[in-house]
N, C-alpha and C. Protein backbone atom coordinates (compact mmCIF):
# COMPACT_ATOMS: atom_id res chain seq x y z
N MET A 1 69.74 -169.52 -59.90
CA MET A 1 70.61 -170.68 -60.42
C MET A 1 72.09 -170.25 -61.27
N THR A 2 72.57 -169.32 -61.49
CA THR A 2 73.66 -169.00 -61.67
C THR A 2 74.63 -169.65 -60.50
N ASN A 3 74.08 -168.15 -59.48
CA ASN A 3 74.96 -168.31 -58.34
C ASN A 3 75.04 -169.90 -57.75
N LEU A 4 74.10 -170.69 -57.93
CA LEU A 4 73.88 -171.72 -57.20
C LEU A 4 74.75 -172.43 -58.04
N LEU A 5 74.92 -173.00 -59.69
CA LEU A 5 75.69 -173.58 -59.74
C LEU A 5 77.25 -172.84 -60.32
N LEU A 6 77.90 -171.64 -59.96
CA LEU A 6 78.96 -170.90 -60.10
C LEU A 6 79.43 -171.22 -58.95
N ALA A 7 78.77 -171.62 -57.31
CA ALA A 7 79.11 -172.47 -56.19
C ALA A 7 79.29 -173.69 -56.25
N VAL A 8 78.53 -174.53 -56.86
CA VAL A 8 79.04 -175.67 -57.25
C VAL A 8 80.16 -176.19 -58.57
N GLY A 9 79.74 -175.67 -59.08
CA GLY A 9 80.76 -175.96 -60.76
C GLY A 9 82.83 -175.16 -60.06
N TRP A 10 81.73 -174.01 -59.81
CA TRP A 10 83.59 -173.25 -60.30
C TRP A 10 83.75 -172.48 -58.52
N ARG A 11 83.08 -173.43 -57.49
CA ARG A 11 83.77 -172.87 -56.28
C ARG A 11 83.81 -171.49 -56.24
N LYS A 12 82.32 -170.47 -56.51
CA LYS A 12 82.67 -169.28 -56.34
C LYS A 12 81.22 -168.75 -55.36
N VAL A 13 81.94 -168.39 -54.06
CA VAL A 13 80.83 -168.05 -52.98
C VAL A 13 79.86 -166.96 -53.02
N PRO A 14 78.60 -166.98 -53.20
CA PRO A 14 77.48 -165.61 -53.39
C PRO A 14 77.37 -165.03 -52.00
N ASN A 15 77.80 -163.25 -52.32
CA ASN A 15 77.51 -162.55 -51.13
C ASN A 15 76.45 -162.69 -50.69
N LEU A 16 76.18 -161.58 -49.31
CA LEU A 16 75.18 -161.67 -49.04
C LEU A 16 74.03 -161.54 -49.71
N LYS A 17 74.11 -160.19 -50.26
CA LYS A 17 73.43 -159.80 -51.43
C LYS A 17 72.88 -160.15 -52.48
N GLN A 18 73.68 -161.44 -53.28
CA GLN A 18 73.34 -161.99 -54.26
C GLN A 18 72.45 -163.34 -53.30
N THR A 19 73.09 -163.60 -52.60
CA THR A 19 72.13 -164.95 -51.86
C THR A 19 70.81 -164.20 -51.50
N GLY A 20 70.15 -163.07 -51.10
CA GLY A 20 68.98 -162.65 -51.13
C GLY A 20 68.49 -162.48 -52.35
N GLY A 21 68.94 -162.10 -53.66
CA GLY A 21 68.43 -162.63 -54.69
C GLY A 21 68.00 -163.90 -55.61
N ILE A 22 68.65 -164.46 -55.02
CA ILE A 22 68.45 -165.83 -54.86
C ILE A 22 67.21 -166.72 -54.56
N ILE A 23 67.11 -166.23 -53.19
CA ILE A 23 66.11 -166.91 -52.58
C ILE A 23 64.80 -165.68 -52.81
N LEU A 24 65.03 -164.64 -53.56
CA LEU A 24 64.05 -163.86 -53.96
C LEU A 24 63.58 -164.41 -55.74
N ALA A 25 64.14 -164.70 -56.19
CA ALA A 25 64.30 -165.19 -57.76
C ALA A 25 63.52 -166.59 -57.65
N PHE A 26 64.29 -167.32 -56.41
CA PHE A 26 63.41 -168.72 -56.58
C PHE A 26 62.06 -168.98 -56.33
N SER A 27 61.80 -168.14 -55.45
CA SER A 27 60.23 -167.11 -54.44
C SER A 27 59.62 -166.60 -56.07
N GLY A 28 59.89 -166.57 -56.44
CA GLY A 28 59.20 -166.04 -57.96
C GLY A 28 59.07 -167.08 -58.81
N LEU A 29 60.11 -167.79 -58.64
CA LEU A 29 59.74 -168.96 -59.62
C LEU A 29 58.29 -170.09 -59.17
N LEU A 30 58.37 -170.33 -57.51
CA LEU A 30 57.46 -170.59 -56.94
C LEU A 30 56.36 -170.55 -57.26
N VAL A 31 56.11 -169.13 -57.16
CA VAL A 31 54.49 -168.48 -57.31
C VAL A 31 54.36 -168.90 -58.58
N VAL A 32 55.46 -168.59 -59.98
CA VAL A 32 54.98 -168.80 -61.03
C VAL A 32 54.16 -170.19 -61.43
N ILE A 33 54.91 -171.22 -60.53
CA ILE A 33 54.44 -172.69 -60.64
C ILE A 33 53.51 -172.64 -60.15
N ALA A 34 53.11 -172.48 -59.11
CA ALA A 34 52.05 -172.30 -58.54
C ALA A 34 50.49 -171.95 -58.80
N GLY A 35 51.23 -171.16 -60.10
CA GLY A 35 49.61 -170.15 -60.38
C GLY A 35 49.48 -169.31 -59.77
N GLY A 36 49.91 -168.89 -58.68
CA GLY A 36 49.68 -167.59 -57.10
C GLY A 36 48.33 -168.49 -56.42
N SER A 37 48.43 -169.91 -56.48
CA SER A 37 47.28 -170.20 -56.14
C SER A 37 47.57 -170.82 -54.95
N TRP A 38 47.71 -170.98 -53.44
CA TRP A 38 47.74 -171.72 -52.09
C TRP A 38 46.86 -173.54 -52.68
N GLU A 39 45.92 -173.26 -53.07
CA GLU A 39 45.68 -174.23 -53.41
C GLU A 39 46.38 -175.24 -53.90
N ARG A 40 46.77 -174.51 -55.14
CA ARG A 40 47.84 -175.84 -55.87
C ARG A 40 48.56 -175.61 -55.60
N TRP A 41 49.13 -174.92 -54.65
CA TRP A 41 50.44 -174.84 -54.47
C TRP A 41 50.93 -176.19 -53.25
N ARG A 42 49.23 -176.26 -52.01
CA ARG A 42 49.20 -177.55 -51.37
C ARG A 42 49.32 -178.57 -51.85
N GLY A 43 48.62 -179.08 -53.07
CA GLY A 43 48.32 -180.52 -53.77
C GLY A 43 49.58 -180.57 -54.92
N PHE A 44 50.57 -179.78 -54.64
CA PHE A 44 51.43 -179.55 -55.42
C PHE A 44 51.66 -181.17 -56.38
N ASN A 45 51.65 -180.57 -57.67
CA ASN A 45 51.96 -181.68 -58.81
C ASN A 45 52.77 -180.82 -60.07
N LEU A 46 53.68 -181.13 -60.51
CA LEU A 46 54.10 -180.25 -61.59
C LEU A 46 53.65 -180.94 -62.71
N LEU A 47 53.43 -179.88 -63.57
CA LEU A 47 53.28 -180.38 -65.22
C LEU A 47 54.32 -180.08 -65.54
N PRO A 48 54.01 -180.82 -67.23
CA PRO A 48 55.01 -180.55 -68.38
C PRO A 48 56.03 -179.52 -68.29
N ALA A 49 54.91 -178.18 -68.20
CA ALA A 49 54.94 -176.97 -68.44
C ALA A 49 55.97 -176.31 -68.03
N ASP A 50 55.87 -176.98 -66.03
CA ASP A 50 56.33 -176.28 -65.20
C ASP A 50 57.81 -176.90 -65.18
N ALA A 51 58.09 -178.34 -65.57
CA ALA A 51 59.43 -178.61 -65.55
C ALA A 51 60.15 -177.52 -67.05
N PHE A 52 59.42 -177.69 -68.17
CA PHE A 52 60.24 -176.63 -69.13
C PHE A 52 60.77 -175.59 -68.29
N ILE A 53 59.96 -174.56 -67.05
CA ILE A 53 60.16 -173.07 -67.06
C ILE A 53 61.63 -173.81 -65.89
N VAL A 54 61.34 -174.86 -65.62
CA VAL A 54 63.04 -174.77 -64.55
C VAL A 54 64.08 -175.20 -65.49
N VAL A 55 63.89 -176.08 -66.64
CA VAL A 55 64.92 -176.15 -67.28
C VAL A 55 65.19 -174.88 -68.38
N ASN A 56 64.18 -173.95 -68.04
CA ASN A 56 64.79 -173.14 -69.16
C ASN A 56 65.16 -172.11 -68.68
N VAL A 57 65.26 -172.11 -66.62
CA VAL A 57 66.07 -171.32 -65.89
C VAL A 57 67.09 -172.31 -65.88
N LEU A 58 67.81 -173.19 -65.76
CA LEU A 58 69.13 -173.76 -65.85
C LEU A 58 69.48 -173.62 -67.18
N ALA A 59 68.86 -173.37 -68.46
CA ALA A 59 69.50 -172.97 -69.76
C ALA A 59 70.28 -171.68 -69.48
N ILE A 60 69.58 -171.16 -69.50
CA ILE A 60 69.69 -169.37 -69.07
C ILE A 60 70.62 -168.80 -68.16
N SER A 61 71.10 -169.89 -67.10
CA SER A 61 71.78 -169.84 -66.54
C SER A 61 73.39 -170.51 -66.68
N LEU A 62 73.83 -171.66 -67.33
CA LEU A 62 74.87 -172.37 -68.60
C LEU A 62 75.63 -171.03 -68.65
N PHE A 63 73.63 -170.45 -69.70
CA PHE A 63 74.65 -169.58 -71.07
C PHE A 63 75.25 -168.34 -70.20
N ASN A 64 74.57 -167.93 -69.67
CA ASN A 64 75.38 -166.99 -68.27
C ASN A 64 76.28 -167.07 -68.39
N ILE A 65 76.54 -168.42 -67.78
CA ILE A 65 78.44 -168.68 -66.77
C ILE A 65 78.83 -169.11 -68.04
N LEU A 66 79.13 -169.32 -69.07
CA LEU A 66 79.93 -169.86 -70.24
C LEU A 66 79.89 -168.86 -71.18
N ALA A 67 79.32 -167.49 -71.12
CA ALA A 67 79.18 -166.59 -72.06
C ALA A 67 80.34 -165.45 -71.19
N GLN A 68 81.02 -165.77 -70.04
CA GLN A 68 81.79 -164.64 -68.84
C GLN A 68 82.66 -165.53 -69.51
N LEU A 69 82.98 -166.81 -69.78
CA LEU A 69 84.58 -167.67 -69.48
C LEU A 69 85.35 -167.16 -70.91
């Protein structure tokens, strides 16, 4: 999420290694949201706690960016 925000807001394009990390991290987030269950993933419905996880990831990303300025 941090690299995505940097690419969109600050026009810093991530390299190949960072892009791989983004894909891996996002995949992990999807596994956490799905609870490791394919049935839950196929019947995809977000719970309030899932939205909290996504907001938390966004907040940490913004903190990391702003701490470097």
